[in-house]
Protein backbone atom coordinates (compact mmCIF):
# COMPACT_ATOMS: atom_id res chain seq x y z
CA MET A 1 -0.15 0.12 0.01
CA PRO A 2 2.93 2.46 0.67
CA GLY A 3 3.87 2.59 -3.01
CA GLU A 4 0.21 2.76 -4.21
CA LEU A 5 -0.32 5.52 -1.61
CA THR A 6 2.64 7.26 -3.39
CA ASP A 7 1.16 6.72 -6.58
CA ILE A 8 -2.06 7.98 -5.60
CA ILE A 9 -0.64 11.53 -3.98
CA ALA A 10 1.39 11.96 -7.10
CA LEU A 11 -1.67 11.55 -9.57
CA SER A 12 -3.70 13.85 -7.28
CA LEU A 13 -0.94 16.42 -7.23
CA ARG A 14 -0.34 16.21 -11.08
CA VAL A 15 -3.94 16.56 -12.06
CA THR A 16 -4.65 19.27 -9.68
CA GLY A 17 -1.71 21.39 -10.38
CA LEU A 18 -2.04 21.07 -14.39
CA ALA A 19 -5.71 21.87 -14.11
CA LEU A 20 -5.17 24.70 -11.63
CA LEU A 21 -2.09 26.03 -13.90
CA ILE A 22 -4.45 25.89 -16.86
CA SER A 23 -7.44 27.81 -15.24
CA SER A 24 -5.01 30.28 -13.81
CA LEU A 25 -3.35 31.01 -17.39
CA ILE A 26 -6.74 31.57 -18.67
CA GLY A 27 -8.65 32.79 -16.01
CA ILE A 28 -6.46 35.64 -14.69
CA PRO A 29 -5.81 37.48 -18.03
CA LEU A 30 -9.83 36.94 -18.62
CA GLY A 31 -10.73 38.22 -15.14
CA ALA A 32 -8.35 41.13 -15.53
CA LEU A 33 -9.99 42.13 -18.90
CA ALA A 34 -13.23 41.83 -17.50
CA GLY A 35 -12.27 43.90 -14.41
CA LEU A 36 -10.56 46.62 -16.43
CA ARG A 37 -12.36 47.01 -19.79
CA ARG A 38 -15.81 47.66 -20.58
CA PHE A 39 -17.06 45.88 -23.86
CA ILE A 40 -20.07 44.27 -25.41
CA GLY A 41 -21.17 41.15 -23.52
CA ARG A 42 -19.12 41.99 -20.27
CA ARG A 43 -22.17 41.74 -18.00
CA LEU A 44 -22.93 38.29 -19.74
CA LEU A 45 -19.34 37.24 -19.03
CA MET A 46 -19.58 38.27 -15.59
CA LEU A 47 -22.84 36.42 -15.01
CA ILE A 48 -21.22 33.39 -16.74
CA LEU A 49 -18.36 33.40 -14.37
CA TYR A 50 -20.55 34.09 -11.37
CA THR A 51 -22.86 31.12 -12.42
CA GLY A 52 -19.78 28.92 -12.96
CA MET A 53 -18.41 29.51 -9.27
CA GLY A 54 -21.46 27.54 -8.33
CA PHE A 55 -21.36 24.55 -10.66
CA PRO A 56 -22.11 21.36 -8.96
CA PRO A 57 -19.11 18.87 -9.67
CA VAL A 58 -21.27 16.08 -10.66
CA VAL A 59 -22.78 18.40 -13.50
CA VAL A 60 -19.59 19.23 -14.83
CA GLY A 61 -18.61 15.62 -14.78
CA LEU A 62 -21.82 14.79 -16.80
CA PHE A 63 -21.17 17.68 -19.25
CA VAL A 64 -17.38 16.52 -19.88
CA TYR A 65 -18.72 13.07 -20.19
CA LEU A 66 -21.38 13.91 -22.55
CA LEU A 67 -18.53 15.75 -24.61
CA LEU A 68 -15.82 13.16 -24.62
CA SER A 69 -17.78 9.89 -24.77
CA ARG A 70 -17.52 7.99 -28.16
CA ASN A 71 -21.14 8.99 -29.07
CA GLY A 72 -20.99 12.32 -27.48
CA TRP A 73 -21.36 16.09 -28.65
CA LEU A 74 -17.73 16.34 -29.90
CA SER A 75 -17.64 12.74 -31.39
CA GLY A 76 -17.17 14.27 -35.08
CA LEU A 77 -13.99 15.82 -34.09
CA PRO A 78 -10.44 14.00 -34.61
CA THR A 79 -9.79 11.85 -31.46
CA GLU A 80 -6.41 13.46 -31.21
CA PHE A 81 -7.78 16.81 -30.36
CA LEU A 82 -9.70 15.50 -27.56
CA PRO A 83 -8.67 13.76 -24.21
CA SER A 84 -10.20 10.30 -23.79
CA LEU A 85 -12.44 9.32 -20.90
CA PHE A 86 -11.20 7.38 -18.07
CA THR A 87 -7.88 9.11 -18.34
CA PRO A 88 -5.81 11.97 -16.10
CA ALA A 89 -6.26 14.21 -19.15
CA ALA A 90 -10.01 14.02 -18.78
CA MET A 91 -9.81 14.44 -15.06
CA VAL A 92 -7.78 17.51 -15.91
CA PHE A 93 -10.19 18.96 -18.38
CA ALA A 94 -13.01 18.60 -15.66
CA GLN A 95 -11.29 20.23 -12.95
CA THR A 96 -10.17 23.08 -15.25
CA ILE A 97 -13.68 23.60 -16.09
CA LEU A 98 -14.42 23.47 -12.18
CA SER A 99 -11.63 26.06 -11.11
CA LEU A 100 -11.68 28.55 -14.30
CA PRO A 101 -14.86 30.24 -13.41
CA LEU A 102 -13.42 30.85 -9.59
CA VAL A 103 -10.17 32.23 -10.93
CA ALA A 104 -11.53 34.41 -13.48
CA GLY A 105 -14.36 35.68 -11.51
CA LEU A 106 -12.49 36.35 -8.12
CA THR A 107 -9.64 38.12 -10.42
CA ALA A 108 -12.03 40.48 -12.05
CA ALA A 109 -13.79 41.16 -8.49
CA ALA A 110 -10.21 42.00 -7.03
CA VAL A 111 -9.37 44.37 -10.23
CA MET A 112 -12.80 46.12 -9.83
CA ALA A 113 -12.06 46.70 -6.16
CA VAL A 114 -8.71 48.92 -6.87
CA ASP A 115 -9.39 52.35 -6.72
CA PRO A 116 -10.56 53.61 -10.17
CA ASN A 117 -8.32 56.72 -9.77
CA LEU A 118 -5.16 54.71 -9.86
CA ARG A 119 -5.85 54.04 -13.67
CA LEU A 120 -6.44 57.75 -14.46
CA GLN A 121 -3.17 58.80 -12.33
CA VAL A 122 -1.09 56.07 -14.09
CA ARG A 123 -2.28 57.18 -17.52
CA ALA A 124 -1.54 60.70 -16.57
CA LEU A 125 2.14 60.00 -15.92
CA GLY A 126 2.54 58.65 -19.44
CA ALA A 127 1.90 55.11 -19.07
CA SER A 128 0.28 52.89 -21.99
CA GLN A 129 -2.91 50.94 -21.45
CA VAL A 130 -0.92 47.57 -20.84
CA GLN A 131 1.41 49.24 -18.29
CA ALA A 132 -1.48 50.61 -16.64
CA ALA A 133 -3.19 47.30 -16.58
CA TRP A 134 -0.02 45.62 -15.20
CA THR A 135 -0.18 48.41 -12.41
CA ILE A 136 -3.85 47.75 -11.50
CA LEU A 137 -2.97 43.90 -11.54
CA GLY A 138 -0.26 44.28 -9.16
CA GLU A 139 -2.48 46.28 -6.66
CA ALA A 140 -5.01 43.50 -6.71
CA ARG A 141 -2.40 40.75 -6.46
CA ALA A 142 -3.83 39.89 -3.10
CA GLY A 143 -7.16 39.12 -4.33
CA VAL A 144 -5.57 37.31 -7.57
CA LEU A 145 -3.66 34.93 -5.01
CA VAL A 146 -6.88 34.62 -3.20
CA ALA A 147 -8.52 33.62 -6.60
CA VAL A 148 -5.89 30.91 -7.10
CA ILE A 149 -6.30 29.57 -3.64
CA ALA A 150 -10.16 29.20 -4.02
CA GLY A 151 -9.50 27.58 -7.53
CA PHE A 152 -7.08 25.08 -5.71
CA GLY A 153 -9.71 24.40 -2.98
CA SER A 154 -12.23 23.84 -5.28
CA ILE A 155 -10.78 20.76 -6.97
CA ILE A 156 -8.35 19.35 -4.69
CA SER A 157 -11.16 18.03 -2.50
CA GLU A 158 -13.74 17.56 -5.47
CA VAL A 159 -14.81 13.72 -6.27
CA GLY A 160 -17.98 13.84 -8.36
CA ALA A 161 -16.30 15.02 -11.60
CA VAL A 162 -13.11 13.11 -11.58
CA MET A 163 -14.92 9.88 -10.66
CA MET A 164 -17.43 10.28 -13.62
CA VAL A 165 -14.74 11.04 -16.23
CA GLY A 166 -11.81 9.30 -14.51
CA GLY A 167 -13.44 5.98 -13.38
CA ASN A 168 -11.31 5.76 -10.33
CA ILE A 169 -9.16 2.99 -12.01
CA ALA A 170 -6.38 1.58 -9.84
CA GLY A 171 -2.98 2.80 -10.73
CA HIS A 172 -4.08 4.89 -13.51
CA THR A 173 -6.90 7.54 -12.37
CA ARG A 174 -7.30 6.82 -8.75
CA VAL A 175 -6.94 9.91 -6.99
CA LEU A 176 -7.05 10.76 -3.20
CA THR A 177 -10.81 11.54 -3.21
CA THR A 178 -11.67 8.71 -5.03
CA ALA A 179 -9.83 6.38 -3.17
CA ILE A 180 -11.44 7.81 0.08
CA VAL A 181 -14.75 6.94 -1.51
CA LEU A 182 -13.63 3.45 -2.30
CA GLU A 183 -12.26 2.56 0.81
CA THR A 184 -15.07 3.76 2.82
CA SER A 185 -17.44 1.74 0.77
CA LYS A 186 -15.38 -1.28 1.67
CA GLY A 187 -15.68 -0.43 5.48
CA ASN A 188 -11.84 0.31 5.52
CA PHE A 189 -12.24 3.49 7.68
CA ASP A 190 -8.81 3.52 9.16
CA LEU A 191 -7.32 3.69 5.51
CA ALA A 192 -10.07 6.22 4.51
CA LEU A 193 -9.40 8.35 7.52
CA ALA A 194 -5.57 8.03 6.64
CA LEU A 195 -6.13 9.29 3.20
CA GLY A 196 -8.42 11.93 4.52
CA GLY A 197 -5.70 13.14 6.72
CA VAL A 198 -3.25 13.16 3.77
CA LEU A 199 -5.67 15.28 1.61
CA LEU A 200 -6.15 17.80 4.52
CA GLY A 201 -2.48 17.93 4.69
CA LEU A 202 -1.75 18.78 1.29
CA SER A 203 -4.33 21.27 1.07
CA PHE A 204 -2.93 22.88 4.18
CA LEU A 205 0.75 22.88 2.91
CA ALA A 206 -0.67 24.50 -0.38
CA ASN A 207 -2.63 27.13 1.07
CA PHE A 208 0.07 27.80 3.60
CA ALA A 209 2.56 28.44 0.89
CA LEU A 210 0.35 30.61 -1.16
CA LEU A 211 -0.57 32.65 1.85
CA THR A 212 3.01 32.93 2.81
CA LEU A 213 3.56 34.29 -0.87
CA GLN A 214 0.60 36.46 -0.40
CA GLY A 215 2.17 37.93 2.79
CA LYS A 216 5.49 38.70 1.04
CA THR A 217 3.76 40.55 -1.78
CA LEU A 218 2.00 42.81 0.72
CA ASP A 219 5.24 43.76 2.46
CA PRO A 220 6.53 47.26 1.84
């Protein structure tokens, strides 16, 4: 079991880390754009993001399952462009969908909370729009870090979506949350509690690291 546990932890971190990286690379610029610029459809975009923050994981799992299944909505596309069901790639896809609205929505909220006079002052000093945007995003960095933390928290402990699209296959798609469900159903409560402790520990360490970074960014 120690070797299997190591594999489960490694896969959990790999899937969650990759999903968080993708959602951050897309969500932070998207949230910054929504917070900084007024454009046609901005209100609709914010509505979609805020709605997405409350997506039930099982609904996301069902949506991804229907997208990727052999007779699903995207079955006409070449298979090399889509991840296959019951693979880590499908789990990353589902977790990215779960965390993206949180990262983007909270980033937009953080940017909009910055004093609007700051942008006028920066532009008056001759900064370009890109430079002004970077300045505002820098002022909102604490909120952006909170957005990333929230995105991480939404997927590290998620079980419904990864169970549906990953299948909880031993040595292939079994992560900490699905392993806890399996061991609980088998009556192995000691092992399930141990796995839960590992999950809580990983979540605590990740959040501690991000909060430490946040504290450093706020130092004068």
